PDB file of N, CA and C in Angstrom:
ATOM      1  N   MET A   1      28.866  71.078  67.427  1.00  0.00           N
ATOM      2  CA  MET A   1      27.931  70.242  68.243  1.00  0.00           C
ATOM      3  C   MET A   1      27.617  70.982  69.435  1.00  0.00           C
ATOM      4  N   LEU A   2      28.544  71.605  70.149  1.00  0.00           N
ATOM      5  CA  LEU A   2      28.103  72.326  71.315  1.00  0.00           C
ATOM      6  C   LEU A   2      27.087  73.462  71.123  1.00  0.00           C
ATOM      7  N   LEU A   3      27.260  74.103  69.976  1.00  0.00           N
ATOM      8  CA  LEU A   3      26.329  75.215  69.686  1.00  0.00           C
ATOM      9  C   LEU A   3      24.891  74.572  69.449  1.00  0.00           C
ATOM     10  N   ALA A   4      24.838  73.439  68.914  1.00  0.00           N
ATOM     11  CA  ALA A   4      23.506  72.870  68.695  1.00  0.00           C
ATOM     12  C   ALA A   4      23.000  72.380  70.083  1.00  0.00           C
ATOM     13  N   VAL A   5      23.800  71.827  70.974  1.00  0.00           N
ATOM     14  CA  VAL A   5      23.474  71.389  72.271  1.00  0.00           C
ATOM     15  C   VAL A   5      22.984  72.714  73.123  1.00  0.00           C
ATOM     16  N   ALA A   6      23.607  73.819  72.807  1.00  0.00           N
ATOM     17  CA  ALA A   6      23.131  75.039  73.419  1.00  0.00           C
ATOM     18  C   ALA A   6      21.793  75.515  73.041  1.00  0.00           C
ATOM     19  N   GLY A   7      21.236  74.926  72.010  1.00  0.00           N
ATOM     20  CA  GLY A   7      19.855  75.232  71.631  1.00  0.00           C
ATOM     21  C   GLY A   7      19.741  76.165  70.366  1.00  0.00           C
ATOM     22  N   LEU A   8      20.848  76.280  69.642  1.00  0.00           N
ATOM     23  CA  LEU A   8      20.787  77.076  68.420  1.00  0.00           C
ATOM     24  C   LEU A   8      20.108  76.211  67.288  1.00  0.00           C
ATOM     25  N   ASP A   9      19.234  76.881  66.517  1.00  0.00           N
ATOM     26  CA  ASP A   9      18.598  76.171  65.335  1.00  0.00           C
ATOM     27  C   ASP A   9      19.562  76.189  64.265  1.00  0.00           C
ATOM     28  N   GLN A  10      19.178  75.455  63.133  1.00  0.00           N
ATOM     29  CA  GLN A  10      20.229  75.387  62.093  1.00  0.00           C
ATOM     30  C   GLN A  10      20.604  76.713  61.512  1.00  0.00           C
ATOM     31  N   LYS A  11      19.675  77.721  61.284  1.00  0.00           N
ATOM     32  CA  LYS A  11      20.059  79.024  60.748  1.00  0.00           C
ATOM     33  C   LYS A  11      20.989  79.704  61.716  1.00  0.00           C
ATOM     34  N   ALA A  12      20.570  79.731  63.026  1.00  0.00           N
ATOM     35  CA  ALA A  12      21.474  80.447  63.999  1.00  0.00           C
ATOM     36  C   ALA A  12      22.864  79.806  64.079  1.00  0.00           C
ATOM     37  N   LEU A  13      22.934  78.453  63.865  1.00  0.00           N
ATOM     38  CA  LEU A  13      24.118  77.747  63.967  1.00  0.00           C
ATOM     39  C   LEU A  13      25.023  78.046  62.788  1.00  0.00           C
ATOM     40  N   GLU A  14      24.386  78.179  61.535  1.00  0.00           N
ATOM     41  CA  GLU A  14      25.183  78.555  60.416  1.00  0.00           C
ATOM     42  C   GLU A  14      25.704  80.016  60.552  1.00  0.00           C
ATOM     43  N   GLU A  15      24.850  80.979  61.072  1.00  0.00           N
ATOM     44  CA  GLU A  15      25.304  82.287  61.250  1.00  0.00           C
ATOM     45  C   GLU A  15      26.486  82.376  62.209  1.00  0.00           C
ATOM     46  N   ARG A  16      26.324  81.712  63.387  1.00  0.00           N
ATOM     47  CA  ARG A  16      27.310  81.739  64.338  1.00  0.00           C
ATOM     48  C   ARG A  16      28.575  81.148  63.844  1.00  0.00           C
ATOM     49  N   THR A  17      28.614  80.094  63.127  1.00  0.00           N
ATOM     50  CA  THR A  17      29.822  79.446  62.588  1.00  0.00           C
ATOM     51  C   THR A  17      30.407  80.382  61.555  1.00  0.00           C
ATOM     52  N   ARG A  18      29.699  81.048  60.761  1.00  0.00           N
ATOM     53  CA  ARG A  18      30.168  81.970  59.703  1.00  0.00           C
ATOM     54  C   ARG A  18      30.916  83.248  60.424  1.00  0.00           C
ATOM     55  N   LEU A  19      30.257  83.693  61.496  1.00  0.00           N
ATOM     56  CA  LEU A  19      30.840  84.780  62.298  1.00  0.00           C
ATOM     57  C   LEU A  19      32.190  84.275  62.931  1.00  0.00           C
ATOM     58  N   LEU A  20      32.199  83.181  63.462  1.00  0.00           N
ATOM     59  CA  LEU A  20      33.377  82.723  64.208  1.00  0.00           C
ATOM     60  C   LEU A  20      34.539  82.560  63.216  1.00  0.00           C
ATOM     61  N   ALA A  21      34.222  81.838  61.999  1.00  0.00           N
ATOM     62  CA  ALA A  21      35.202  81.549  60.970  1.00  0.00           C
ATOM     63  C   ALA A  21      35.726  82.879  60.331  1.00  0.00           C
ATOM     64  N   SER A  22      35.009  83.916  60.397  1.00  0.00           N
ATOM     65  CA  SER A  22      35.354  85.194  59.667  1.00  0.00           C
ATOM     66  C   SER A  22      36.554  85.917  60.320  1.00  0.00           C
ATOM     67  N   ASN A  23      36.789  85.752  61.581  1.00  0.00           N
ATOM     68  CA  ASN A  23      37.875  86.497  62.406  1.00  0.00           C
ATOM     69  C   ASN A  23      37.436  87.875  62.538  1.00  0.00           C
ATOM     70  N   ASP A  24      36.258  88.265  62.129  1.00  0.00           N
ATOM     71  CA  ASP A  24      35.802  89.642  62.421  1.00  0.00           C
ATOM     72  C   ASP A  24      34.755  89.622  63.529  1.00  0.00           C
ATOM     73  N   TRP A  25      35.357  89.716  64.724  1.00  0.00           N
ATOM     74  CA  TRP A  25      34.440  89.559  65.913  1.00  0.00           C
ATOM     75  C   TRP A  25      34.114  90.866  66.629  1.00  0.00           C
ATOM     76  N   ALA A  26      34.300  92.015  65.898  1.00  0.00           N
ATOM     77  CA  ALA A  26      34.070  93.343  66.391  1.00  0.00           C
ATOM     78  C   ALA A  26      32.674  93.539  66.986  1.00  0.00           C
ATOM     79  N   ALA A  27      31.680  92.808  66.382  1.00  0.00           N
ATOM     80  CA  ALA A  27      30.355  92.909  66.869  1.00  0.00           C
ATOM     81  C   ALA A  27      30.035  92.266  68.189  1.00  0.00           C
ATOM     82  N   LEU A  28      30.971  91.468  68.646  1.00  0.00           N
ATOM     83  CA  LEU A  28      30.702  90.624  69.799  1.00  0.00           C
ATOM     84  C   LEU A  28      31.136  91.430  71.019  1.00  0.00           C
ATOM     85  N   PRO A  29      30.589  91.128  72.163  1.00  0.00           N
ATOM     86  CA  PRO A  29      31.149  91.678  73.400  1.00  0.00           C
ATOM     87  C   PRO A  29      32.577  91.487  73.619  1.00  0.00           C
ATOM     88  N   ALA A  30      33.345  92.376  74.329  1.00  0.00           N
ATOM     89  CA  ALA A  30      34.798  92.237  74.577  1.00  0.00           C
ATOM     90  C   ALA A  30      35.053  90.884  75.305  1.00  0.00           C
ATOM     91  N   SER A  31      34.241  90.529  76.204  1.00  0.00           N
ATOM     92  CA  SER A  31      34.494  89.190  76.866  1.00  0.00           C
ATOM     93  C   SER A  31      34.436  87.967  75.942  1.00  0.00           C
ATOM     94  N   ASP A  32      33.583  87.993  75.035  1.00  0.00           N
ATOM     95  CA  ASP A  32      33.506  86.960  74.013  1.00  0.00           C
ATOM     96  C   ASP A  32      34.728  86.929  73.104  1.00  0.00           C
ATOM     97  N   ARG A  33      35.086  88.137  72.625  1.00  0.00           N
ATOM     98  CA  ARG A  33      36.260  88.288  71.815  1.00  0.00           C
ATOM     99  C   ARG A  33      37.488  87.782  72.574  1.00  0.00           C
ATOM    100  N   GLY A  34      37.581  88.183  73.885  1.00  0.00           N
ATOM    101  CA  GLY A  34      38.759  87.671  74.681  1.00  0.00           C
ATOM    102  C   GLY A  34      38.816  86.199  74.713  1.00  0.00           C
ATOM    103  N   ALA A  35      37.648  85.529  74.924  1.00  0.00           N
ATOM    104  CA  ALA A  35      37.590  84.034  75.067  1.00  0.00           C
ATOM    105  C   ALA A  35      38.006  83.414  73.712  1.00  0.00           C
ATOM    106  N   PHE A  36      37.433  83.999  72.612  1.00  0.00           N
ATOM    107  CA  PHE A  36      37.720  83.485  71.277  1.00  0.00           C
ATOM    108  C   PHE A  36      39.178  83.662  70.852  1.00  0.00           C
ATOM    109  N   PHE A  37      39.826  84.735  71.238  1.00  0.00           N
ATOM    110  CA  PHE A  37      41.214  84.993  71.005  1.00  0.00           C
ATOM    111  C   PHE A  37      42.074  83.975  71.742  1.00  0.00           C
ATOM    112  N   PHE A  38      41.641  83.708  73.027  1.00  0.00           N
ATOM    113  CA  PHE A  38      42.334  82.689  73.838  1.00  0.00           C
ATOM    114  C   PHE A  38      42.234  81.372  73.246  1.00  0.00           C
ATOM    115  N   ALA A  39      41.057  80.976  72.836  1.00  0.00           N
ATOM    116  CA  ALA A  39      40.840  79.610  72.269  1.00  0.00           C
ATOM    117  C   ALA A  39      41.591  79.430  71.035  1.00  0.00           C
ATOM    118  N   ARG A  40      41.604  80.447  70.201  1.00  0.00           N
ATOM    119  CA  ARG A  40      42.393  80.348  68.932  1.00  0.00           C
ATOM    120  C   ARG A  40      43.944  80.269  69.324  1.00  0.00           C
ATOM    121  N   LYS A  41      44.445  81.088  70.225  1.00  0.00           N
ATOM    122  CA  LYS A  41      45.888  80.916  70.525  1.00  0.00           C
ATOM    123  C   LYS A  41      46.188  79.596  71.099  1.00  0.00           C
ATOM    124  N   LEU A  42      45.263  79.075  71.995  1.00  0.00           N
ATOM    125  CA  LEU A  42      45.469  77.749  72.616  1.00  0.00           C
ATOM    126  C   LEU A  42      45.487  76.647  71.450  1.00  0.00           C
ATOM    127  N   SER A  43      44.725  76.909  70.473  1.00  0.00           N
ATOM    128  CA  SER A  43      44.631  75.878  69.344  1.00  0.00           C
ATOM    129  C   SER A  43      45.795  75.919  68.446  1.00  0.00           C
ATOM    130  N   LYS A  44      46.343  77.030  68.154  1.00  0.00           N
ATOM    131  CA  LYS A  44      47.449  77.239  67.248  1.00  0.00           C
ATOM    132  C   LYS A  44      48.800  77.226  67.842  1.00  0.00           C
ATOM    133  N   THR A  45      48.931  77.771  68.991  1.00  0.00           N
ATOM    134  CA  THR A  45      50.231  77.855  69.683  1.00  0.00           C
ATOM    135  C   THR A  45      50.068  77.699  71.224  1.00  0.00           C
ATOM    136  N   PRO A  46      49.686  76.547  71.650  1.00  0.00           N
ATOM    137  CA  PRO A  46      49.503  76.386  73.094  1.00  0.00           C
ATOM    138  C   PRO A  46      50.707  76.601  73.894  1.00  0.00           C
ATOM    139  N   TRP A  47      51.842  76.360  73.433  1.00  0.00           N
ATOM    140  CA  TRP A  47      53.024  76.700  74.162  1.00  0.00           C
ATOM    141  C   TRP A  47      53.258  78.185  74.507  1.00  0.00           C
ATOM    142  N   ALA A  48      52.606  79.021  73.807  1.00  0.00           N
ATOM    143  CA  ALA A  48      52.787  80.423  73.931  1.00  0.00           C
ATOM    144  C   ALA A  48      51.758  81.087  74.858  1.00  0.00           C
ATOM    145  N   ILE A  49      50.878  80.223  75.501  1.00  0.00           N
ATOM    146  CA  ILE A  49      49.973  80.800  76.502  1.00  0.00           C
ATOM    147  C   ILE A  49      50.826  81.250  77.666  1.00  0.00           C
ATOM    148  N   ASP A  50      50.488  82.433  78.129  1.00  0.00           N
ATOM    149  CA  ASP A  50      51.329  83.002  79.288  1.00  0.00           C
ATOM    150  C   ASP A  50      50.480  83.700  80.266  1.00  0.00           C
ATOM    151  N   GLU A  51      51.039  84.230  81.271  1.00  0.00           N
ATOM    152  CA  GLU A  51      50.368  84.974  82.370  1.00  0.00           C
ATOM    153  C   GLU A  51      49.465  86.082  81.866  1.00  0.00           C
ATOM    154  N   GLY A  52      49.855  86.784  80.778  1.00  0.00           N
ATOM    155  CA  GLY A  52      49.078  87.862  80.290  1.00  0.00           C
ATOM    156  C   GLY A  52      47.761  87.311  79.670  1.00  0.00           C
ATOM    157  N   ASP A  53      47.784  86.165  79.012  1.00  0.00           N
ATOM    158  CA  ASP A  53      46.561  85.571  78.527  1.00  0.00           C
ATOM    159  C   ASP A  53      45.568  85.226  79.647  1.00  0.00           C
ATOM    160  N   ARG A  54      46.166  84.672  80.692  1.00  0.00           N
ATOM    161  CA  ARG A  54      45.285  84.313  81.841  1.00  0.00           C
ATOM    162  C   ARG A  54      44.814  85.605  82.522  1.00  0.00           C
ATOM    163  N   SER A  55      45.649  86.585  82.563  1.00  0.00           N
ATOM    164  CA  SER A  55      45.181  87.861  83.295  1.00  0.00           C
ATOM    165  C   SER A  55      44.004  88.469  82.515  1.00  0.00           C
ATOM    166  N   ARG A  56      44.188  88.416  81.104  1.00  0.00           N
ATOM    167  CA  ARG A  56      43.019  89.108  80.260  1.00  0.00           C
ATOM    168  C   ARG A  56      41.791  88.275  80.542  1.00  0.00           C
ATOM    169  N   LEU A  57      41.812  87.033  80.563  1.00  0.00           N
ATOM    170  CA  LEU A  57      40.594  86.209  80.866  1.00  0.00           C
ATOM    171  C   LEU A  57      40.035  86.565  82.295  1.00  0.00           C
ATOM    172  N   ILE A  58      40.927  86.699  83.201  1.00  0.00           N
ATOM    173  CA  ILE A  58      40.459  87.085  84.583  1.00  0.00           C
ATOM    174  C   ILE A  58      39.839  88.438  84.585  1.00  0.00           C
ATOM    175  N   ALA A  59      40.393  89.348  83.837  1.00  0.00           N
ATOM    176  CA  ALA A  59      39.813  90.736  83.833  1.00  0.00           C
ATOM    177  C   ALA A  59      38.450  90.732  83.147  1.00  0.00           C
ATOM    178  N   HIS A  60      38.182  89.865  82.220  1.00  0.00           N
ATOM    179  CA  HIS A  60      36.840  89.791  81.657  1.00  0.00           C
ATOM    180  C   HIS A  60      35.885  88.955  82.415  1.00  0.00           C
ATOM    181  N   PHE A  61      36.378  87.891  83.044  1.00  0.00           N
ATOM    182  CA  PHE A  61      35.420  86.879  83.585  1.00  0.00           C
ATOM    183  C   PHE A  61      35.507  86.692  85.084  1.00  0.00           C
ATOM    184  N   GLY A  62      36.566  87.140  85.685  1.00  0.00           N
ATOM    185  CA  GLY A  62      36.867  86.819  87.190  1.00  0.00           C
ATOM    186  C   GLY A  62      37.618  85.475  87.093  1.00  0.00           C
ATOM    187  N   ARG A  63      38.112  85.135  88.285  1.00  0.00           N
ATOM    188  CA  ARG A  63      39.007  83.966  88.397  1.00  0.00           C
ATOM    189  C   ARG A  63      38.300  82.621  88.006  1.00  0.00           C
ATOM    190  N   ALA A  64      37.108  82.395  88.666  1.00  0.00           N
ATOM    191  CA  ALA A  64      36.487  81.097  88.438  1.00  0.00           C
ATOM    192  C   ALA A  64      35.990  80.987  86.959  1.00  0.00           C
ATOM    193  N   ARG A  65      35.316  81.986  86.427  1.00  0.00           N
ATOM    194  CA  ARG A  65      34.844  81.847  85.060  1.00  0.00           C
ATOM    195  C   ARG A  65      36.000  81.767  84.019  1.00  0.00           C
ATOM    196  N   ALA A  66      37.160  82.475  84.379  1.00  0.00           N
ATOM    197  CA  ALA A  66      38.344  82.341  83.496  1.00  0.00           C
ATOM    198  C   ALA A  66      38.711  80.918  83.428  1.00  0.00           C
ATOM    199  N   LEU A  67      38.774  80.198  84.579  1.00  0.00           N
ATOM    200  CA  LEU A  67      39.065  78.842  84.706  1.00  0.00           C
ATOM    201  C   LEU A  67      38.182  78.005  83.837  1.00  0.00           C
ATOM    202  N   ASP A  68      36.895  78.398  83.855  1.00  0.00           N
ATOM    203  CA  ASP A  68      35.881  77.659  82.972  1.00  0.00           C
ATOM    204  C   ASP A  68      36.222  77.723  81.570  1.00  0.00           C
ATOM    205  N   VAL A  69      36.648  78.992  81.078  1.00  0.00           N
ATOM    206  CA  VAL A  69      37.058  79.199  79.670  1.00  0.00           C
ATOM    207  C   VAL A  69      38.269  78.372  79.367  1.00  0.00           C
ATOM    208  N   ILE A  70      39.297  78.413  80.316  1.00  0.00           N
ATOM    209  CA  ILE A  70      40.432  77.634  79.956  1.00  0.00           C
ATOM    210  C   ILE A  70      40.105  76.115  79.925  1.00  0.00           C
ATOM    211  N   TRP A  71      39.386  75.708  80.883  1.00  0.00           N
ATOM    212  CA  TRP A  71      39.091  74.221  80.974  1.00  0.00           C
ATOM    213  C   TRP A  71      38.274  73.818  79.708  1.00  0.00           C
ATOM    214  N   TRP A  72      37.179  74.546  79.427  1.00  0.00           N
ATOM    215  CA  TRP A  72      36.370  74.168  78.229  1.00  0.00           C
ATOM    216  C   TRP A  72      37.115  74.238  76.904  1.00  0.00           C
ATOM    217  N   ALA A  73      37.975  75.286  76.740  1.00  0.00           N
ATOM    218  CA  ALA A  73      38.716  75.433  75.477  1.00  0.00           C
ATOM    219  C   ALA A  73      39.686  74.261  75.451  1.00  0.00           C
ATOM    220  N   SER A  74      40.291  73.829  76.440  1.00  0.00           N
ATOM    221  CA  SER A  74      41.240  72.793  76.506  1.00  0.00           C
ATOM    222  C   SER A  74      40.541  71.403  76.238  1.00  0.00           C
ATOM    223  N   ARG A  75      39.392  71.259  76.840  1.00  0.00           N
ATOM    224  CA  ARG A  75      38.682  69.992  76.631  1.00  0.00           C
ATOM    225  C   ARG A  75      38.209  69.876  75.178  1.00  0.00           C
ATOM    226  N   CYS A  76      37.622  70.949  74.587  1.00  0.00           N
ATOM    227  CA  CYS A  76      37.113  70.887  73.318  1.00  0.00           C
ATOM    228  C   CYS A  76      38.288  70.664  72.275  1.00  0.00           C
ATOM    229  N   HIS A  77      39.453  71.288  72.529  1.00  0.00           N
ATOM    230  CA  HIS A  77      40.538  70.993  71.637  1.00  0.00           C
ATOM    231  C   HIS A  77      40.957  69.453  71.711  1.00  0.00           C
ATOM    232  N   TYR A  78      41.078  69.109  72.910  1.00  0.00           N
ATOM    233  CA  TYR A  78      41.507  67.663  73.178  1.00  0.00           C
ATOM    234  C   TYR A  78      40.507  66.792  72.494  1.00  0.00           C
ATOM    235  N   MET A  79      39.140  66.911  72.631  1.00  0.00           N
ATOM    236  CA  MET A  79      38.140  65.995  72.080  1.00  0.00           C
ATOM    237  C   MET A  79      38.217  66.059  70.501  1.00  0.00           C
ATOM    238  N   THR A  80      38.391  67.235  70.004  1.00  0.00           N
ATOM    239  CA  THR A  80      38.524  67.356  68.556  1.00  0.00           C
ATOM    240  C   THR A  80      39.697  66.579  68.088  1.00  0.00           C
ATOM    241  N   ARG A  81      40.792  66.684  68.726  1.00  0.00           N
ATOM    242  CA  ARG A  81      42.018  65.981  68.248  1.00  0.00           C
ATOM    243  C   ARG A  81      41.706  64.424  68.360  1.00  0.00           C
ATOM    244  N   VAL A  82      41.113  63.922  69.542  1.00  0.00           N
ATOM    245  CA  VAL A  82      40.852  62.530  69.651  1.00  0.00           C
ATOM    246  C   VAL A  82      39.915  62.072  68.553  1.00  0.00           C
ATOM    247  N   ALA A  83      38.809  62.802  68.261  1.00  0.00           N
ATOM    248  CA  ALA A  83      37.854  62.460  67.301  1.00  0.00           C
ATOM    249  C   ALA A  83      38.508  62.400  65.844  1.00  0.00           C
ATOM    250  N   ASP A  84      39.385  63.439  65.569  1.00  0.00           N
ATOM    251  CA  ASP A  84      40.008  63.477  64.371  1.00  0.00           C
ATOM    252  C   ASP A  84      41.083  62.385  64.165  1.00  0.00           C
ATOM    253  N   GLY A  85      41.762  62.027  65.287  1.00  0.00           N
ATOM    254  CA  GLY A  85      42.787  60.891  65.277  1.00  0.00           C
ATOM    255  C   GLY A  85      42.173  59.601  64.977  1.00  0.00           C
ATOM    256  N   PHE A  86      40.954  59.344  65.650  1.00  0.00           N
ATOM    257  CA  PHE A  86      40.174  58.116  65.503  1.00  0.00           C
ATOM    258  C   PHE A  86      39.179  58.152  64.346  1.00  0.00           C
ATOM    259  N   GLN A  87      39.181  59.280  63.672  1.00  0.00           N
ATOM    260  CA  GLN A  87      38.229  59.565  62.561  1.00  0.00           C
ATOM    261  C   GLN A  87      36.747  59.238  62.984  1.00  0.00           C
ATOM    262  N   LEU A  88      36.366  59.766  64.210  1.00  0.00           N
ATOM    263  CA  LEU A  88      35.083  59.525  64.785  1.00  0.00           C
ATOM    264  C   LEU A  88      34.154  60.420  64.175  1.00  0.00           C
ATOM    265  N   PRO A  89      33.021  60.035  63.718  1.00  0.00           N
ATOM    266  CA  PRO A  89      32.098  60.967  63.102  1.00  0.00           C
ATOM    267  C   PRO A  89      31.226  61.623  64.322  1.00  0.00           C
ATOM    268  N   LEU A  90      30.801  62.845  64.010  1.00  0.00           N
ATOM    269  CA  LEU A  90      29.953  63.566  64.966  1.00  0.00           C
ATOM    270  C   LEU A  90      28.511  63.060  64.851  1.00  0.00           C
ATOM    271  N   GLU A  91      27.692  63.168  65.893  1.00  0.00           N
ATOM    272  CA  GLU A  91      26.382  62.635  65.837  1.00  0.00           C
ATOM    273  C   GLU A  91      25.594  63.587  64.901  1.00  0.00           C
ATOM    274  N   ARG A  92      24.646  63.029  64.072  1.00  0.00           N
ATOM    275  CA  ARG A  92      23.860  63.802  63.208  1.00  0.00           C
ATOM    276  C   ARG A  92      22.771  64.521  63.866  1.00  0.00           C
ATOM    277  N   GLU A  93      22.375  64.088  65.070  1.00  0.00           N
ATOM    278  CA  GLU A  93      21.237  64.650  65.738  1.00  0.00           C
ATOM    279  C   GLU A  93      21.764  65.106  67.141  1.00  0.00           C
ATOM    280  N   ASN A  94      21.060  66.115  67.710  1.00  0.00           N
ATOM    281  CA  ASN A  94      21.489  66.606  69.018  1.00  0.00           C
ATOM    282  C   ASN A  94      20.813  65.616  70.052  1.00  0.00           C
ATOM    283  N   VAL A  95      21.739  64.777  70.537  1.00  0.00           N
ATOM    284  CA  VAL A  95      21.252  63.748  71.497  1.00  0.00           C
ATOM    285  C   VAL A  95      20.790  64.381  72.880  1.00  0.00           C
ATOM    286  N   PHE A  96      21.085  65.651  73.097  1.00  0.00           N
ATOM    287  CA  PHE A  96      20.605  66.328  74.314  1.00  0.00           C
ATOM    288  C   PHE A  96      19.372  67.098  74.185  1.00  0.00           C
ATOM    289  N   ALA A  97      18.867  67.174  72.924  1.00  0.00           N
ATOM    290  CA  ALA A  97      17.605  67.855  72.618  1.00  0.00           C
ATOM    291  C   ALA A  97      16.423  67.301  73.361  1.00  0.00           C
ATOM    292  N   PRO A  98      15.580  68.155  73.826  1.00  0.00           N
ATOM    293  CA  PRO A  98      14.380  67.622  74.616  1.00  0.00           C
ATOM    294  C   PRO A  98      13.564  66.757  73.606  1.00  0.00           C
ATOM    295  N   THR A  99      13.007  65.699  74.101  1.00  0.00           N
ATOM    296  CA  THR A  99      12.135  64.925  73.189  1.00  0.00           C
ATOM    297  C   THR A  99      10.738  64.856  73.878  1.00  0.00           C
ATOM    298  N   ALA A 100       9.741  64.536  73.045  1.00  0.00           N
ATOM    299  CA  ALA A 100       8.424  64.370  73.580  1.00  0.00           C
ATOM    300  C   ALA A 100       8.441  63.186  74.630  1.00  0.00           C
ATOM    301  N   PRO A 101       7.688  63.259  75.709  1.00  0.00           N
ATOM    302  CA  PRO A 101       7.642  62.177  76.568  1.00  0.00           C
ATOM    303  C   PRO A 101       7.048  60.899  75.860  1.00  0.00           C
ATOM    304  N   SER A 102       7.618  59.803  76.220  1.00  0.00           N
ATOM    305  CA  SER A 102       7.070  58.519  75.614  1.00  0.00           C
ATOM    306  C   SER A 102       5.790  58.116  76.271  1.00  0.00           C
ATOM    307  N   SER A 103       4.940  57.407  75.508  1.00  0.00           N
ATOM    308  CA  SER A 103       3.763  56.947  76.012  1.00  0.00           C
ATOM    309  C   SER A 103       4.024  55.650  76.819  1.00  0.00           C
ATOM    310  N   PRO A 104       3.356  55.438  77.914  1.00  0.00           N
ATOM    311  CA  PRO A 104       3.703  54.206  78.711  1.00  0.00           C
ATOM    312  C   PRO A 104       3.203  52.928  77.928  1.00  0.00           C
ATOM    313  N   THR A 105       3.910  51.926  78.049  1.00  0.00           N
ATOM    314  CA  THR A 105       3.598  50.673  77.347  1.00  0.00           C
ATOM    315  C   THR A 105       2.299  50.207  77.974  1.00  0.00           C
ATOM    316  N   PRO A 106       1.381  49.728  77.106  1.00  0.00           N
ATOM    317  CA  PRO A 106       0.086  49.145  77.684  1.00  0.00           C
ATOM    318  C   PRO A 106       0.358  48.190  78.787  1.00  0.00           C
ATOM    319  N   GLY A 107      -0.320  48.194  79.768  1.00  0.00           N
ATOM    320  CA  GLY A 107      -0.118  47.226  80.914  1.00  0.00           C
ATOM    321  C   GLY A 107       0.863  47.683  81.967  1.00  0.00           C
ATOM    322  N   THR A 108       1.516  48.918  81.748  1.00  0.00           N
ATOM    323  CA  THR A 108       2.496  49.287  82.718  1.00  0.00           C
ATOM    324  C   THR A 108       2.016  50.556  83.316  1.00  0.00           C
ATOM    325  N   LYS A 109       2.595  50.982  84.404  1.00  0.00           N
ATOM    326  CA  LYS A 109       2.191  52.215  84.979  1.00  0.00           C
ATOM    327  C   LYS A 109       3.193  53.339  84.583  1.00  0.00           C
TER     328      LYS A 109
END
């Protein structure tokens, strides 16, 4: 859903999803690979996150952006677990996509 919110069309979304699921991230920039490796480790073995993981993120992104990566990965994992636990369906449409401005109702400004 976040990829759709980021503005990717259906074809780009499918290509990106396939790339991420493949575990062959060699074509991606080193910073992207670092963020994905961190997110995967956080998902599978969160208790194993250590100072080395944080240091690698800081080396790629700086302190503030590394915190963004940690926060967003944590939030997304949490929301996925909540949605799965309550069996909440994802929205079928991108609710954040720009829409055409609505016409004013007759008799209103």
